[in-house]
Amino acid sequence: MPQNWWPMPWFGMIFGPLMMIVFLVIAVLIGLALLRAFGLGPSCWHHRDHSGRESRGRALEILEERFARGEIDKEEFEEKKRLLSR
């Protein structure tokens, strides 16, 4: 037995498994962040709405911009707006 050995309290043995769990959680979170950054993984991670509401909203914004710039007239704007609101 080494001369500098003294008994540790029982709670000293909890730090090894606890640090292993913390390390694994951090590794998984980093992995998920990398997947999301590269555009991989489930589509719900990418803030896309499968119902098309988000794309319709953006389409309406573009339509309003085109109307404001004078590229389309009021009649065409109203017709396309009606089509988008379905």
Protein backbone atom coordinates (compact mmCIF):
# COMPACT_ATOMS: atom_id res chain seq x y z
CA MET A 1 0.00 0.00 0.00
CA PRO A 2 1.36 3.48 -0.88
CA GLN A 3 2.37 5.63 2.03
CA ASN A 4 0.43 8.73 0.86
CA TRP A 5 -2.86 6.86 0.57
CA TRP A 6 -5.81 7.90 2.71
CA PRO A 7 -9.40 6.78 2.40
CA MET A 8 -11.56 9.05 0.23
CA PRO A 9 -15.17 9.66 1.15
CA TRP A 10 -17.67 7.61 -0.91
CA PHE A 11 -18.85 10.66 -2.87
CA GLY A 12 -15.40 10.98 -4.45
CA MET A 13 -16.21 8.09 -6.77
CA ILE A 14 -19.22 9.87 -8.30
CA PHE A 15 -17.10 12.42 -10.18
CA GLY A 16 -15.76 9.93 -12.75
CA PRO A 17 -19.14 8.72 -14.04
CA LEU A 18 -20.59 12.23 -13.71
CA MET A 19 -17.85 13.75 -15.85
CA MET A 20 -18.30 10.96 -18.41
CA ILE A 21 -22.03 11.74 -18.67
CA VAL A 22 -21.34 15.48 -18.95
CA PHE A 23 -18.76 14.82 -21.68
CA LEU A 24 -21.16 12.61 -23.65
CA VAL A 25 -23.98 15.17 -23.41
CA ILE A 26 -21.66 17.93 -24.64
CA ALA A 27 -20.38 15.72 -27.49
CA VAL A 28 -23.95 14.92 -28.61
CA LEU A 29 -24.97 18.59 -28.48
CA ILE A 30 -21.94 19.60 -30.56
CA GLY A 31 -22.76 16.85 -33.06
CA LEU A 32 -26.37 18.00 -33.37
CA ALA A 33 -25.23 21.62 -33.79
CA LEU A 34 -22.89 20.57 -36.60
CA LEU A 35 -25.65 18.60 -38.33
CA ARG A 36 -27.93 21.61 -38.14
CA ALA A 37 -25.20 23.97 -39.37
CA PHE A 38 -24.61 21.82 -42.45
CA GLY A 39 -28.34 21.59 -43.17
CA LEU A 40 -28.64 17.90 -42.34
CA GLY A 41 -31.13 16.23 -40.08
CA PRO A 42 -34.90 16.52 -39.75
CA SER A 43 -36.59 19.33 -41.65
CA CYS A 44 -38.08 20.67 -38.40
CA TRP A 45 -34.56 21.84 -37.51
CA HIS A 46 -34.54 24.18 -40.50
CA HIS A 47 -37.59 26.30 -39.65
CA ARG A 48 -39.53 25.17 -42.71
CA ASP A 49 -43.26 24.87 -42.56
CA HIS A 50 -44.52 21.95 -44.63
CA SER A 51 -47.93 23.55 -45.04
CA GLY A 52 -46.41 26.23 -47.26
CA ARG A 53 -47.52 29.11 -45.05
CA GLU A 54 -44.01 30.50 -44.81
CA SER A 55 -43.43 30.28 -48.55
CA ARG A 56 -46.80 31.93 -49.23
CA GLY A 57 -45.88 34.73 -46.85
CA ARG A 58 -42.61 35.30 -48.68
CA ALA A 59 -44.40 35.13 -52.03
CA LEU A 60 -46.84 37.78 -50.84
CA GLU A 61 -43.94 40.00 -49.75
CA ILE A 62 -42.36 39.68 -53.19
CA LEU A 63 -45.70 40.44 -54.83
CA GLU A 64 -46.09 43.57 -52.70
CA GLU A 65 -42.55 44.67 -53.57
CA ARG A 66 -43.23 44.21 -57.28
CA PHE A 67 -46.44 46.24 -56.95
CA ALA A 68 -44.61 48.98 -55.05
CA ARG A 69 -41.94 49.17 -57.76
CA GLY A 70 -44.62 49.44 -60.43
CA GLU A 71 -43.74 46.17 -62.17
CA ILE A 72 -47.36 44.98 -61.98
CA ASP A 73 -50.62 46.91 -61.98
CA LYS A 74 -53.34 46.82 -59.30
CA GLU A 75 -55.52 44.33 -61.17
CA GLU A 76 -52.70 41.82 -61.56
CA PHE A 77 -51.66 42.39 -57.93
CA GLU A 78 -55.18 41.69 -56.63
CA GLU A 79 -55.53 38.58 -58.79
CA LYS A 80 -52.22 37.10 -57.64
CA LYS A 81 -52.90 38.05 -54.03
CA ARG A 82 -56.24 36.24 -54.21
CA LEU A 83 -54.51 33.16 -55.64
CA LEU A 84 -51.89 33.19 -52.88
CA SER A 85 -54.44 33.53 -50.09
CA ARG A 86 -56.13 30.22 -50.92
